[in-house]
Amino acid sequence: MKGLTLSILTILSVLYCLRFGYIWTAYGHGGQMIGIPFALLMIGLTIRYVAVKIERKKEKMFYGALFYFSALALFSITIEIIRSSNSNYFELLYVEPGGIVNKIFMAFAAAGVIATFLKFRQINKQEAIE
């Protein structure tokens, strides 16, 4: 079931980075190109999950990939919501020194790292008990 979940998340990340075909039609503004490393890393994490045979490492790979996907997907969704709801989104997000896109990204990245660290610590404690 976890492998299926990672496969679905990987497909979603690839579709998002291609913006469902916009990259081919030049409809997008180029921002979707940023999603390509996101999708490639997600593909790599999914392949690594399938290749790992040790159960504890497999569990760590799953949760690492899950939190990675969640953090970056929530960041992207947040930016898309701001873009669609604010007519002055470019100045709000990108114009320095008041641009907040980097702060939003760092907040989601930090949340993902903290969640991953806490889950890995929990997995290690469970292994020590067993």
N, C-alpha and C. Protein backbone atom coordinates (compact mmCIF):
# COMPACT_ATOMS: atom_id res chain seq x y z
N MET A 1 0.81 -1.19 0.00
CA MET A 1 0.00 0.00 0.00
C MET A 1 0.86 1.27 0.00
N LYS A 2 1.95 1.23 0.75
CA LYS A 2 2.84 2.40 0.79
C LYS A 2 3.50 2.63 -0.56
N GLY A 3 3.85 1.55 -1.24
CA GLY A 3 4.44 1.69 -2.57
C GLY A 3 3.46 2.31 -3.56
N LEU A 4 2.20 1.92 -3.47
CA LEU A 4 1.16 2.49 -4.32
C LEU A 4 0.98 3.98 -4.01
N THR A 5 1.00 4.33 -2.74
CA THR A 5 0.88 5.73 -2.33
C THR A 5 2.02 6.55 -2.91
N LEU A 6 3.24 6.06 -2.78
CA LEU A 6 4.39 6.79 -3.33
C LEU A 6 4.31 6.89 -4.85
N SER A 7 3.83 5.84 -5.49
CA SER A 7 3.69 5.88 -6.95
C SER A 7 2.69 6.96 -7.37
N ILE A 8 1.57 7.05 -6.67
CA ILE A 8 0.57 8.07 -6.98
C ILE A 8 1.14 9.46 -6.74
N LEU A 9 1.84 9.65 -5.63
CA LEU A 9 2.45 10.96 -5.35
C LEU A 9 3.50 11.32 -6.39
N THR A 10 4.23 10.34 -6.87
CA THR A 10 5.23 10.58 -7.91
C THR A 10 4.57 11.01 -9.21
N ILE A 11 3.50 10.33 -9.58
CA ILE A 11 2.76 10.71 -10.79
C ILE A 11 2.22 12.12 -10.66
N LEU A 12 1.67 12.45 -9.50
CA LEU A 12 1.17 13.81 -9.27
C LEU A 12 2.28 14.85 -9.38
N SER A 13 3.46 14.53 -8.85
CA SER A 13 4.56 15.49 -8.92
C SER A 13 5.03 15.69 -10.36
N VAL A 14 5.04 14.63 -11.15
CA VAL A 14 5.42 14.76 -12.57
C VAL A 14 4.37 15.57 -13.32
N LEU A 15 3.10 15.27 -13.08
CA LEU A 15 2.04 16.03 -13.75
C LEU A 15 2.08 17.50 -13.35
N TYR A 16 2.38 17.77 -12.08
CA TYR A 16 2.45 19.16 -11.64
C TYR A 16 3.62 19.88 -12.30
N CYS A 17 4.77 19.22 -12.36
CA CYS A 17 5.93 19.91 -12.94
C CYS A 17 5.71 20.19 -14.41
N LEU A 18 4.93 19.36 -15.08
CA LEU A 18 4.60 19.62 -16.48
C LEU A 18 3.34 20.47 -16.61
N ARG A 19 2.72 20.76 -15.48
CA ARG A 19 1.49 21.56 -15.42
C ARG A 19 0.45 21.03 -16.39
N PHE A 20 0.34 19.72 -16.42
CA PHE A 20 -0.67 19.05 -17.22
C PHE A 20 -0.59 19.45 -18.69
N GLY A 21 0.63 19.61 -19.19
CA GLY A 21 0.83 19.87 -20.61
C GLY A 21 1.16 21.31 -20.94
N TYR A 22 1.04 22.22 -19.99
CA TYR A 22 1.28 23.64 -20.27
C TYR A 22 2.72 23.89 -20.73
N ILE A 23 3.64 23.09 -20.24
CA ILE A 23 5.03 23.30 -20.61
C ILE A 23 5.22 23.07 -22.11
N TRP A 24 4.42 22.20 -22.69
CA TRP A 24 4.55 21.92 -24.12
C TRP A 24 3.88 22.99 -24.98
N THR A 25 2.85 23.65 -24.45
CA THR A 25 2.09 24.61 -25.25
C THR A 25 2.53 26.05 -25.04
N ALA A 26 3.51 26.28 -24.19
CA ALA A 26 4.02 27.61 -23.85
C ALA A 26 2.95 28.46 -23.17
N TYR A 27 1.95 27.82 -22.61
CA TYR A 27 0.91 28.55 -21.88
C TYR A 27 1.47 29.13 -20.58
N GLY A 28 2.32 28.35 -19.93
CA GLY A 28 2.88 28.77 -18.65
C GLY A 28 3.95 29.82 -18.84
N HIS A 29 4.38 30.37 -17.73
CA HIS A 29 5.37 31.44 -17.76
C HIS A 29 6.77 30.92 -17.45
N GLY A 30 6.95 29.64 -17.38
CA GLY A 30 8.26 29.07 -17.10
C GLY A 30 8.41 28.61 -15.66
N GLY A 31 7.50 29.01 -14.79
CA GLY A 31 7.59 28.63 -13.39
C GLY A 31 7.48 27.13 -13.16
N GLN A 32 6.82 26.45 -14.06
CA GLN A 32 6.68 25.01 -13.90
C GLN A 32 8.02 24.29 -14.08
N MET A 33 8.99 24.93 -14.69
CA MET A 33 10.32 24.31 -14.83
C MET A 33 10.96 24.06 -13.47
N ILE A 34 10.58 24.85 -12.47
CA ILE A 34 11.09 24.66 -11.12
C ILE A 34 10.63 23.32 -10.57
N GLY A 35 9.49 22.84 -11.03
CA GLY A 35 8.95 21.58 -10.54
C GLY A 35 9.69 20.36 -11.03
N ILE A 36 10.53 20.50 -12.05
CA ILE A 36 11.24 19.34 -12.60
C ILE A 36 12.18 18.70 -11.57
N PRO A 37 13.01 19.47 -10.85
CA PRO A 37 13.83 18.82 -9.81
C PRO A 37 12.98 18.17 -8.72
N PHE A 38 11.87 18.78 -8.39
CA PHE A 38 10.92 18.21 -7.42
C PHE A 38 10.46 16.84 -7.89
N ALA A 39 10.06 16.74 -9.14
CA ALA A 39 9.57 15.48 -9.69
C ALA A 39 10.70 14.45 -9.80
N LEU A 40 11.88 14.88 -10.23
CA LEU A 40 13.00 13.94 -10.35
C LEU A 40 13.40 13.36 -9.00
N LEU A 41 13.42 14.20 -7.98
CA LEU A 41 13.76 13.71 -6.64
C LEU A 41 12.68 12.77 -6.12
N MET A 42 11.44 13.07 -6.43
CA MET A 42 10.34 12.19 -6.01
C MET A 42 10.43 10.84 -6.71
N ILE A 43 10.79 10.85 -7.98
CA ILE A 43 10.99 9.60 -8.72
C ILE A 43 12.12 8.80 -8.07
N GLY A 44 13.23 9.47 -7.76
CA GLY A 44 14.36 8.81 -7.12
C GLY A 44 14.00 8.22 -5.76
N LEU A 45 13.24 8.96 -4.96
CA LEU A 45 12.83 8.45 -3.65
C LEU A 45 11.92 7.23 -3.78
N THR A 46 11.04 7.25 -4.76
CA THR A 46 10.14 6.12 -4.98
C THR A 46 10.92 4.88 -5.43
N ILE A 47 11.86 5.07 -6.33
CA ILE A 47 12.69 3.94 -6.78
C ILE A 47 13.50 3.39 -5.61
N ARG A 48 14.06 4.29 -4.82
CA ARG A 48 14.85 3.86 -3.66
C ARG A 48 13.98 3.09 -2.66
N TYR A 49 12.75 3.54 -2.46
CA TYR A 49 11.83 2.84 -1.56
C TYR A 49 11.60 1.40 -2.04
N VAL A 50 11.39 1.24 -3.33
CA VAL A 50 11.13 -0.09 -3.88
C VAL A 50 12.38 -0.96 -3.76
N ALA A 51 13.56 -0.37 -3.92
CA ALA A 51 14.81 -1.14 -3.92
C ALA A 51 15.27 -1.56 -2.53
N VAL A 52 14.90 -0.80 -1.51
CA VAL A 52 15.36 -1.09 -0.14
C VAL A 52 14.66 -2.34 0.38
N LYS A 53 15.44 -3.22 1.00
CA LYS A 53 14.90 -4.48 1.52
C LYS A 53 14.72 -4.47 3.04
N ILE A 54 15.48 -3.67 3.75
CA ILE A 54 15.40 -3.62 5.22
C ILE A 54 14.16 -2.81 5.60
N GLU A 55 13.32 -3.40 6.43
CA GLU A 55 12.01 -2.80 6.74
C GLU A 55 12.13 -1.42 7.40
N ARG A 56 13.05 -1.24 8.32
CA ARG A 56 13.20 0.05 8.99
C ARG A 56 13.61 1.14 8.00
N LYS A 57 14.55 0.82 7.13
CA LYS A 57 14.97 1.79 6.11
C LYS A 57 13.84 2.07 5.13
N LYS A 58 13.07 1.05 4.81
CA LYS A 58 11.94 1.21 3.91
C LYS A 58 10.92 2.17 4.51
N GLU A 59 10.66 2.01 5.80
CA GLU A 59 9.72 2.90 6.48
C GLU A 59 10.24 4.34 6.50
N LYS A 60 11.54 4.50 6.74
CA LYS A 60 12.13 5.84 6.72
C LYS A 60 12.05 6.46 5.33
N MET A 61 12.29 5.67 4.30
CA MET A 61 12.18 6.18 2.93
C MET A 61 10.76 6.63 2.64
N PHE A 62 9.79 5.86 3.07
CA PHE A 62 8.40 6.21 2.82
C PHE A 62 8.05 7.54 3.48
N TYR A 63 8.36 7.66 4.76
CA TYR A 63 7.98 8.89 5.46
C TYR A 63 8.81 10.09 5.00
N GLY A 64 10.07 9.86 4.66
CA GLY A 64 10.87 10.95 4.10
C GLY A 64 10.27 11.47 2.80
N ALA A 65 9.88 10.55 1.91
CA ALA A 65 9.27 10.94 0.64
C ALA A 65 7.90 11.59 0.87
N LEU A 66 7.13 11.05 1.80
CA LEU A 66 5.81 11.60 2.09
C LEU A 66 5.90 13.03 2.60
N PHE A 67 6.80 13.28 3.54
CA PHE A 67 6.94 14.63 4.09
C PHE A 67 7.55 15.58 3.06
N TYR A 68 8.45 15.08 2.23
CA TYR A 68 9.03 15.89 1.16
C TYR A 68 7.93 16.34 0.19
N PHE A 69 7.13 15.38 -0.25
CA PHE A 69 6.03 15.70 -1.16
C PHE A 69 5.06 16.67 -0.51
N SER A 70 4.67 16.38 0.71
CA SER A 70 3.69 17.22 1.41
C SER A 70 4.17 18.66 1.55
N ALA A 71 5.41 18.84 1.97
CA ALA A 71 5.93 20.19 2.16
C ALA A 71 5.95 20.97 0.85
N LEU A 72 6.47 20.37 -0.21
CA LEU A 72 6.56 21.10 -1.48
C LEU A 72 5.20 21.26 -2.15
N ALA A 73 4.34 20.28 -2.01
CA ALA A 73 3.00 20.41 -2.59
C ALA A 73 2.20 21.49 -1.87
N LEU A 74 2.29 21.53 -0.54
CA LEU A 74 1.57 22.57 0.20
C LEU A 74 2.12 23.96 -0.11
N PHE A 75 3.43 24.06 -0.31
CA PHE A 75 4.02 25.33 -0.72
C PHE A 75 3.45 25.76 -2.07
N SER A 76 3.43 24.85 -3.02
CA SER A 76 2.92 25.18 -4.36
C SER A 76 1.44 25.56 -4.32
N ILE A 77 0.67 24.83 -3.54
CA ILE A 77 -0.76 25.14 -3.43
C ILE A 77 -0.96 26.51 -2.79
N THR A 78 -0.18 26.82 -1.78
CA THR A 78 -0.27 28.13 -1.13
C THR A 78 0.01 29.25 -2.12
N ILE A 79 1.06 29.09 -2.91
CA ILE A 79 1.41 30.12 -3.90
C ILE A 79 0.31 30.25 -4.94
N GLU A 80 -0.24 29.11 -5.39
CA GLU A 80 -1.33 29.15 -6.38
C GLU A 80 -2.57 29.84 -5.81
N ILE A 81 -2.87 29.61 -4.55
CA ILE A 81 -4.02 30.27 -3.92
C ILE A 81 -3.79 31.78 -3.85
N ILE A 82 -2.59 32.18 -3.47
CA ILE A 82 -2.27 33.61 -3.42
C ILE A 82 -2.36 34.22 -4.81
N ARG A 83 -1.83 33.52 -5.81
CA ARG A 83 -1.87 34.04 -7.18
C ARG A 83 -3.30 34.20 -7.69
N SER A 84 -4.17 33.27 -7.34
CA SER A 84 -5.54 33.34 -7.85
C SER A 84 -6.44 34.29 -7.06
N SER A 85 -6.07 34.57 -5.82
CA SER A 85 -6.95 35.40 -4.99
C SER A 85 -6.49 36.85 -4.85
N ASN A 86 -5.28 37.16 -5.29
CA ASN A 86 -4.75 38.50 -5.11
C ASN A 86 -4.34 39.06 -6.47
N SER A 87 -4.96 40.16 -6.86
CA SER A 87 -4.64 40.73 -8.17
C SER A 87 -3.23 41.34 -8.21
N ASN A 88 -2.69 41.64 -7.06
CA ASN A 88 -1.36 42.23 -6.97
C ASN A 88 -0.35 41.19 -6.45
N TYR A 89 -0.53 39.94 -6.86
CA TYR A 89 0.26 38.85 -6.30
C TYR A 89 1.76 38.98 -6.60
N PHE A 90 2.12 39.50 -7.76
CA PHE A 90 3.54 39.55 -8.13
C PHE A 90 4.32 40.41 -7.14
N GLU A 91 3.81 41.57 -6.84
CA GLU A 91 4.50 42.44 -5.89
C GLU A 91 4.50 41.85 -4.49
N LEU A 92 3.40 41.22 -4.12
CA LEU A 92 3.31 40.60 -2.80
C LEU A 92 4.32 39.47 -2.65
N LEU A 93 4.44 38.63 -3.66
CA LEU A 93 5.28 37.44 -3.55
C LEU A 93 6.74 37.67 -3.91
N TYR A 94 6.98 38.44 -4.98
CA TYR A 94 8.32 38.42 -5.58
C TYR A 94 9.13 39.70 -5.48
N VAL A 95 8.50 40.85 -5.38
CA VAL A 95 9.24 42.10 -5.41
C VAL A 95 9.97 42.30 -4.08
N GLU A 96 11.26 42.49 -4.17
CA GLU A 96 12.10 42.70 -2.99
C GLU A 96 11.99 44.14 -2.53
N PRO A 97 12.15 44.48 -1.31
CA PRO A 97 12.52 43.64 -0.17
C PRO A 97 11.33 43.01 0.53
N GLY A 98 10.12 43.31 0.08
CA GLY A 98 8.94 42.81 0.78
C GLY A 98 8.42 41.48 0.27
N GLY A 99 9.06 40.87 -0.73
CA GLY A 99 8.58 39.60 -1.29
C GLY A 99 8.59 38.49 -0.25
N ILE A 100 7.50 37.76 -0.21
CA ILE A 100 7.38 36.74 0.85
C ILE A 100 7.49 35.31 0.35
N VAL A 101 7.73 35.11 -0.93
CA VAL A 101 7.75 33.74 -1.45
C VAL A 101 8.87 32.92 -0.80
N ASN A 102 10.02 33.50 -0.56
CA ASN A 102 11.12 32.76 0.06
C ASN A 102 10.79 32.40 1.50
N LYS A 103 10.11 33.30 2.20
CA LYS A 103 9.72 33.03 3.58
C LYS A 103 8.69 31.90 3.64
N ILE A 104 7.75 31.91 2.72
CA ILE A 104 6.75 30.85 2.66
C ILE A 104 7.43 29.52 2.37
N PHE A 105 8.36 29.52 1.40
CA PHE A 105 9.08 28.29 1.07
C PHE A 105 9.86 27.77 2.27
N MET A 106 10.59 28.66 2.94
CA MET A 106 11.41 28.22 4.08
C MET A 106 10.53 27.69 5.21
N ALA A 107 9.36 28.26 5.40
CA ALA A 107 8.46 27.77 6.45
C ALA A 107 8.00 26.34 6.14
N PHE A 108 7.60 26.08 4.89
CA PHE A 108 7.17 24.73 4.53
C PHE A 108 8.34 23.75 4.54
N ALA A 109 9.51 24.19 4.08
CA ALA A 109 10.69 23.32 4.10
C ALA A 109 11.07 22.96 5.54
N ALA A 110 11.04 23.94 6.43
CA ALA A 110 11.36 23.69 7.84
C ALA A 110 10.35 22.74 8.47
N ALA A 111 9.08 22.93 8.15
CA ALA A 111 8.05 22.03 8.68
C ALA A 111 8.27 20.60 8.20
N GLY A 112 8.66 20.44 6.93
CA GLY A 112 8.94 19.11 6.39
C GLY A 112 10.14 18.46 7.05
N VAL A 113 11.19 19.23 7.27
CA VAL A 113 12.40 18.70 7.91
C VAL A 113 12.11 18.30 9.35
N ILE A 114 11.38 19.15 10.06
CA ILE A 114 11.05 18.85 11.46
C ILE A 114 10.17 17.60 11.54
N ALA A 115 9.17 17.50 10.68
CA ALA A 115 8.29 16.32 10.68
C ALA A 115 9.09 15.05 10.37
N THR A 116 9.99 15.14 9.41
CA THR A 116 10.83 13.99 9.05
C THR A 116 11.71 13.59 10.23
N PHE A 117 12.36 14.56 10.84
CA PHE A 117 13.24 14.29 11.99
C PHE A 117 12.46 13.62 13.12
N LEU A 118 11.28 14.14 13.45
CA LEU A 118 10.49 13.57 14.53
C LEU A 118 10.03 12.15 14.21
N LYS A 119 9.65 11.91 12.96
CA LYS A 119 9.21 10.56 12.57
C LYS A 119 10.38 9.57 12.59
N PHE A 120 11.54 10.00 12.12
CA PHE A 120 12.72 9.13 12.15
C PHE A 120 13.08 8.80 13.60
N ARG A 121 12.97 9.77 14.47
CA ARG A 121 13.27 9.54 15.89
C ARG A 121 12.28 8.53 16.48
N GLN A 122 11.03 8.64 16.12
CA GLN A 122 10.01 7.70 16.58
C GLN A 122 10.31 6.29 16.06
N ILE A 123 10.69 6.17 14.81
CA ILE A 123 11.02 4.86 14.22
C ILE A 123 12.22 4.25 14.95
N ASN A 124 13.23 5.06 15.23
CA ASN A 124 14.42 4.56 15.92
C ASN A 124 14.08 4.12 17.34
N LYS A 125 13.20 4.85 18.02
CA LYS A 125 12.79 4.47 19.38
C LYS A 125 12.03 3.16 19.36
N GLN A 126 11.15 2.99 18.38
CA GLN A 126 10.38 1.73 18.27
C GLN A 126 11.31 0.56 18.03
N GLU A 127 12.35 0.76 17.23
CA GLU A 127 13.30 -0.31 16.97
C GLU A 127 14.10 -0.64 18.23
N ALA A 128 14.46 0.37 19.02
CA ALA A 128 15.21 0.14 20.24
C ALA A 128 14.38 -0.63 21.27
N ILE A 129 13.08 -0.39 21.28
CA ILE A 129 12.18 -1.10 22.22
C ILE A 129 12.05 -2.55 21.82
N GLU A 130 11.98 -2.82 20.53
CA GLU A 130 11.81 -4.19 20.03
C GLU A 130 13.10 -4.89 20.13
